[in-house]
Amino acid sequence: MVTCLRLQPTNFSLHNYLYAKIAILKLQERLDLLAELGHYLRAGGDEDLDAAVQQSSIENQWFTEENIRSALKAIAEKFLDRDKLAAWAAQYPMADPGYPEKTVALIMAGNIPLVGFHDWLCVFVAGQRAKVKLSDKDKRLLPLLVQKMGHWRKDSWAYTEFLSDNDRLKDFDAVIATGSNNTARYFEQYFGKYPHIIRRNRNSVAVLTGLETIPELYALGRDIFSYFGLGCRNVSKLYVPHGYHFDTLLETLHEYREMILHNKYKNNFDYNFTLYIINNIPHKNNGCLLLKEDTSLQARIASVHYEYYDDLHDLDAQLADHKNDIQCVVSNVQLPQFQVLPFGQSQEPGLHDYADGVDIMQFLSALNFVREKAV
């Protein structure tokens, strides 16, 4: 029995059971329903959405209302636009029985608001059933959106099931799981016999030349500071040429100084700053961000690493060696082995921007499902 979450109807499981065998949503109807959800979000939602946003921000202080609204706006504009949905879905011809024949387990992260929405959307568009294990850090927003769709089209209840913390994940045909490098090892052991996509830690980088304009450096600030830098698409590492002068960069990024007013961010900033001082670690400080020379791609919250390079061609080869650890590259120069994004766009993925570069729709459409009972 699925334990119902707040903001879901109390008979969510009953809805799911009743409609599992009679759902008749064809692809175009599913796309229309998603487009209606996009319209709902662009119109500002309603008091139910307001309550979910407020409660989420209370339960998880990293999820400020501003950040949640930003995530909802991006989803509405990038994922739920009618024309974009139609063009994207048309690239994946697949059987469309009208009801969910297979079940895909989704184990979602909770580092930024609705980070697993794209996974769920892909499963829904593919016409399969999502069995969702939400993160405790983000347990209200997606259920609320699914609930709204269920009110508009009862048939859609059959396409999503939410599990509580105590529910055992079983009776599924494939898995899409997101976690840390440590949890990914457990995912591999547990889900290895199923068709799966298992994601690990990734980070994003920026390549600077010293010729960037002030607007470009300010846009880079969005790549660094959006969602407090907690996403895998946030820039955590800078590559700069030897002789690079940091003054203009630090001054420009100081425009984001309101970040330091957030209690949890400030605690991380102060902790890192104290570590650097106590251990005599050279660093740069503009009052809201710490820069440290370090070869690691991953940096602590409120800090970014940097590394010098000599030649862009050599840097491209160096980054290629770490391609499985890099989510995005932002720059105003091109690197042959990467799709480089303009500054400020790392946190604006579209429907085709699959996490870790793995095409989920291709994965779902090409699956040769073999039903096995979960251990």
Foldseek 3Di string as FASTA:
>chain_A
DACDDPLAPRCLVVLQVVLQPPFQAWLVNLLVLLLVLLVCLVVPHDVSLVVLLVVLCVQAVLSHSVLQNVVSNLCSVFPNHSVQPVVVLVVFDFDTRRHAPFEEEEEDDQLGEPPVVLVLSLQVSLRHAYEYEYDPSHDRNVSNSQRVSCVVPSSSSNRYHYHDPPDDDWFGFEYEYEDEPVVLVVCCVQRVVHHYHYYYAAAAEEEEELPDDLVQLLLLLLLACRSLNRDRLRQQEYEYAPPRDCPSSLVSNCVVLCQCVRPVLVVQVVVVVVVCVVVVFDWDDSNQAIEHADPDRDDTGRYHYYYHDHDLQVVLVVVVVVLQRHLAYEYPDDRVVHDYHHRNCSPNDHSCRDGSNDDVNCSSRPDPTDGDIRD
